[in-house]
């Protein structure tokens, strides 16, 4: 369980840092949180990178939140996802 938690935190950090760069480049883009079932892989963008990715949360990521706030939100959501189905 500890390894999974570390993976979730590491992947949330990577995904939110990537999101922040892209969101700053296009402040009008509506970005959403996606995950890849069977893996601890997260992505935040306007659409899923490929068809096997699933929407992890149906609300857009707020541009009014900090990277830390979004990271915390992703970690909380990830606790309920079927990452290893």
Protein backbone atom coordinates (compact mmCIF):
# COMPACT_ATOMS: atom_id res chain seq x y z
CA UNK A 1 0.00 0.00 0.00
CA UNK A 2 2.82 2.39 0.82
CA UNK A 3 4.38 1.92 -2.61
CA UNK A 4 1.04 2.71 -4.25
CA UNK A 5 0.68 5.88 -2.18
CA UNK A 6 4.17 6.98 -3.16
CA UNK A 7 3.37 6.29 -6.82
CA UNK A 8 0.16 8.33 -6.56
CA UNK A 9 1.97 11.28 -4.99
CA UNK A 10 4.81 11.15 -7.52
CA UNK A 11 2.45 10.89 -10.48
CA UNK A 12 0.20 13.65 -9.11
CA UNK A 13 3.25 15.93 -8.84
CA UNK A 14 4.32 15.17 -12.41
CA UNK A 15 0.80 15.60 -13.82
CA UNK A 16 0.11 18.90 -12.03
CA UNK A 17 3.45 20.43 -12.98
CA UNK A 18 2.79 19.48 -16.62
CA UNK A 19 -0.78 20.83 -16.38
CA UNK A 20 0.40 24.15 -14.97
CA UNK A 21 2.79 24.76 -17.87
CA UNK A 22 0.13 23.97 -20.45
CA UNK A 23 -2.59 25.92 -18.62
CA UNK A 24 -0.36 29.00 -18.44
CA UNK A 25 0.12 28.71 -22.19
CA UNK A 26 -3.64 28.73 -22.77
CA UNK A 27 -5.60 30.20 -19.88
CA UNK A 28 -8.89 29.69 -21.72
CA UNK A 29 -8.49 25.92 -22.11
CA UNK A 30 -10.85 23.71 -20.11
CA UNK A 31 -8.70 20.92 -18.74
CA UNK A 32 -9.81 17.72 -17.06
CA UNK A 33 -8.19 14.96 -15.00
CA UNK A 34 -7.67 11.60 -16.75
CA UNK A 35 -6.18 8.33 -15.51
CA UNK A 36 -5.02 5.15 -17.18
CA UNK A 37 -6.76 2.06 -15.71
CA UNK A 38 -4.37 -0.62 -14.52
CA UNK A 39 -1.56 1.88 -13.95
CA UNK A 40 -0.77 4.85 -11.76
CA UNK A 41 -0.72 7.29 -14.66
CA UNK A 42 -2.44 10.69 -14.57
CA UNK A 43 -2.93 13.34 -17.22
CA UNK A 44 -4.61 16.74 -17.13
CA UNK A 45 -5.61 18.19 -20.48
CA UNK A 46 -8.51 19.19 -22.71
CA UNK A 47 -8.98 15.61 -23.85
CA UNK A 48 -7.69 12.14 -23.13
CA UNK A 49 -4.28 11.44 -24.71
CA UNK A 50 -5.51 8.12 -26.18
CA UNK A 51 -8.79 6.14 -26.01
CA UNK A 52 -7.64 3.88 -23.16
CA UNK A 53 -7.46 6.83 -20.75
CA UNK A 54 -10.58 7.50 -18.66
CA UNK A 55 -12.01 10.65 -17.16
CA UNK A 56 -11.13 10.64 -13.47
CA UNK A 57 -13.36 13.53 -12.49
CA UNK A 58 -16.12 15.20 -14.48
CA UNK A 59 -15.39 18.79 -13.44
CA UNK A 60 -12.77 20.93 -15.11
CA UNK A 61 -9.61 21.76 -13.21
CA UNK A 62 -9.98 25.31 -11.93
CA UNK A 63 -7.41 27.79 -13.17
CA UNK A 64 -7.95 29.65 -9.90
CA UNK A 65 -6.19 26.92 -7.93
CA UNK A 66 -2.48 26.62 -7.21
CA UNK A 67 -0.41 23.64 -8.31
CA UNK A 68 -0.46 22.41 -4.71
CA UNK A 69 -4.24 22.66 -4.46
CA UNK A 70 -4.72 20.74 -7.71
CA UNK A 71 -2.14 18.15 -6.64
CA UNK A 72 -4.02 17.59 -3.37
CA UNK A 73 -7.30 17.32 -5.29
CA UNK A 74 -5.81 14.72 -7.68
CA UNK A 75 -4.39 12.69 -4.79
CA UNK A 76 -7.80 12.67 -3.08
CA UNK A 77 -9.59 11.63 -6.29
CA UNK A 78 -7.00 8.95 -7.04
CA UNK A 79 -7.75 7.20 -3.74
CA UNK A 80 -11.15 6.23 -5.17
CA UNK A 81 -10.13 5.27 -8.72
CA UNK A 82 -9.84 1.70 -10.01
CA UNK A 83 -6.13 2.09 -10.69
CA UNK A 84 -5.43 -1.63 -10.46
CA UNK A 85 -8.67 -3.14 -11.74
